[in-house]
Amino acid sequence: MVILYTSGKYSLRGGDEFDNMHRVNDQFLSYLDELGPELDDPNVELKNVVAVGNLDREINLVALMIGLGLEKAEYEPEQFPGLVYRPTESRCVMLVFASGKVVVTGGKTREEDQEAFDHLKAKVEEFL
């Protein structure tokens, strides 16, 4: 999906492969060029890679919150069904669900998201 704002900025969302996202970006810029507006050297900046992982086990979120540290983890099941983990050693934020599913966001590369997930997985194995 391409979202074009009145400021002239736009964002690409929903892709699952970087090559595909670049191709869609090129198609979008070609389409705009056909419409005729003057474009100032458009560029693409990767800001947020969202990844999904699985810990392959049920997770006691209260125990995990205590193990990760109350200053790094939040779990308020009345407001949101997942634990929010913000490790200090990464810019990534992870949403951990009782099913073991994890959403990693905030990284700028797949590798950064993978490192954050691996760190979480090691913590889960240590504490649970």
Protein backbone atom coordinates (compact mmCIF):
# COMPACT_ATOMS: atom_id res chain seq x y z
CA MET A 1 0.00 0.00 0.00
CA VAL A 2 1.23 3.49 -0.82
CA ILE A 3 -0.02 6.38 1.30
CA LEU A 4 0.54 9.84 -0.21
CA TYR A 5 0.23 12.82 2.13
CA THR A 6 -0.62 16.40 1.16
CA SER A 7 2.90 17.39 2.27
CA GLY A 8 4.26 15.36 -0.65
CA LYS A 9 5.68 12.66 1.61
CA TYR A 10 4.53 9.10 1.16
CA SER A 11 4.94 5.77 2.86
CA LEU A 12 4.96 2.19 1.63
CA ARG A 13 3.40 -0.39 3.89
CA GLY A 14 2.50 -4.03 3.92
CA GLY A 15 5.30 -5.51 1.86
CA ASP A 16 7.01 -8.70 2.86
CA GLU A 17 10.12 -8.46 0.69
CA PHE A 18 12.48 -5.51 0.30
CA ASP A 19 12.95 -6.10 -3.43
CA ASN A 20 9.19 -5.99 -3.92
CA MET A 21 8.92 -2.76 -1.92
CA HIS A 22 11.58 -1.11 -4.09
CA ARG A 23 9.75 -2.29 -7.23
CA VAL A 24 6.45 -0.83 -5.94
CA ASN A 25 8.25 2.42 -5.10
CA ASP A 26 9.65 2.63 -8.65
CA GLN A 27 6.19 1.94 -10.12
CA PHE A 28 4.64 4.62 -7.91
CA LEU A 29 7.24 7.21 -8.94
CA SER A 30 6.72 6.31 -12.62
CA TYR A 31 2.97 6.75 -12.18
CA LEU A 32 3.48 10.16 -10.58
CA ASP A 33 5.86 11.14 -13.37
CA GLU A 34 3.16 10.27 -15.93
CA LEU A 35 0.71 12.52 -14.08
CA GLY A 36 3.09 15.42 -14.56
CA PRO A 37 4.01 16.88 -11.17
CA GLU A 38 7.57 18.13 -10.78
CA LEU A 39 9.43 15.80 -8.37
CA ASP A 40 12.47 16.91 -6.36
CA ASP A 41 14.93 13.97 -6.32
CA PRO A 42 12.69 11.43 -4.52
CA ASN A 43 14.43 8.99 -2.21
CA VAL A 44 13.38 6.10 -0.03
CA GLU A 45 14.38 5.79 3.60
CA LEU A 46 13.78 2.61 5.54
CA LYS A 47 12.33 3.58 8.90
CA ASN A 48 10.66 0.56 10.43
CA VAL A 49 10.89 -3.15 9.75
CA VAL A 50 8.16 -5.20 11.43
CA ALA A 51 8.85 -8.88 11.97
CA VAL A 52 6.80 -11.72 13.43
CA GLY A 53 8.32 -14.56 15.41
CA ASN A 54 7.20 -17.55 17.43
CA LEU A 55 8.72 -18.77 20.69
CA ASP A 56 7.07 -22.17 20.08
CA ARG A 57 5.63 -22.40 23.58
CA GLU A 58 2.93 -20.94 25.79
CA ILE A 59 4.20 -17.96 27.80
CA ASN A 60 3.25 -16.94 31.32
CA LEU A 61 3.30 -13.19 30.68
CA VAL A 62 3.28 -12.18 34.36
CA ALA A 63 6.34 -14.35 35.05
CA LEU A 64 8.05 -13.04 31.93
CA MET A 65 7.37 -9.44 32.92
CA ILE A 66 9.02 -10.03 36.30
CA GLY A 67 11.95 -11.86 34.69
CA LEU A 68 12.56 -9.16 32.08
CA GLY A 69 12.32 -6.39 34.67
CA LEU A 70 9.43 -4.09 35.43
CA GLU A 71 11.35 -1.12 34.00
CA LYS A 72 11.57 -2.83 30.58
CA ALA A 73 8.29 -4.72 30.36
CA GLU A 74 4.62 -3.78 30.67
CA TYR A 75 1.69 -6.13 30.92
CA GLU A 76 -1.79 -4.81 31.58
CA PRO A 77 -4.18 -7.50 30.31
CA GLU A 78 -7.22 -5.28 30.91
CA GLN A 79 -5.87 -2.84 28.30
CA PHE A 80 -3.91 -5.06 25.89
CA PRO A 81 -3.53 -8.86 25.72
CA GLY A 82 0.24 -8.81 25.16
CA LEU A 83 3.37 -7.92 27.07
CA VAL A 84 5.26 -4.89 25.72
CA TYR A 85 9.03 -5.32 26.04
CA ARG A 86 11.46 -2.46 25.44
CA PRO A 87 15.01 -3.77 25.91
CA THR A 88 17.56 -1.07 26.68
CA GLU A 89 20.13 -2.68 24.37
CA SER A 90 17.95 -2.26 21.26
CA ARG A 91 15.66 0.30 19.66
CA CYS A 92 13.21 -2.52 18.91
CA VAL A 93 9.98 -2.96 20.82
CA MET A 94 8.44 -6.42 21.11
CA LEU A 95 4.89 -7.48 21.72
CA VAL A 96 4.79 -10.93 23.31
CA PHE A 97 1.55 -12.90 23.48
CA ALA A 98 0.65 -15.84 25.72
CA SER A 99 0.54 -18.07 22.63
CA GLY A 100 4.27 -17.48 22.12
CA LYS A 101 3.78 -15.22 19.10
CA VAL A 102 5.99 -12.12 19.03
CA VAL A 103 5.81 -8.94 16.95
CA VAL A 104 9.11 -7.06 16.66
CA THR A 105 8.98 -3.45 15.53
CA GLY A 106 11.27 -0.43 15.51
CA GLY A 107 14.28 -1.98 13.81
CA LYS A 108 15.68 -0.66 10.56
CA THR A 109 16.90 -4.02 9.25
CA ARG A 110 15.88 -7.67 9.37
CA GLU A 111 19.10 -8.38 11.23
CA GLU A 112 18.28 -5.82 13.93
CA ASP A 113 14.83 -7.35 14.42
CA GLN A 114 16.36 -10.86 14.48
CA GLU A 115 18.93 -9.83 17.12
CA ALA A 116 16.17 -8.40 19.31
CA PHE A 117 14.08 -11.56 18.91
CA ASP A 118 17.08 -13.80 19.69
CA HIS A 119 17.77 -11.73 22.82
CA LEU A 120 14.16 -12.15 23.93
CA LYS A 121 14.24 -15.88 23.20
CA ALA A 122 17.35 -16.29 25.37
CA LYS A 123 15.64 -14.38 28.18
CA VAL A 124 12.53 -16.56 27.91
CA GLU A 125 14.67 -19.70 28.14
CA GLU A 126 16.49 -18.24 31.14
CA PHE A 127 13.43 -17.15 33.12
CA LEU A 128 10.69 -19.61 32.18
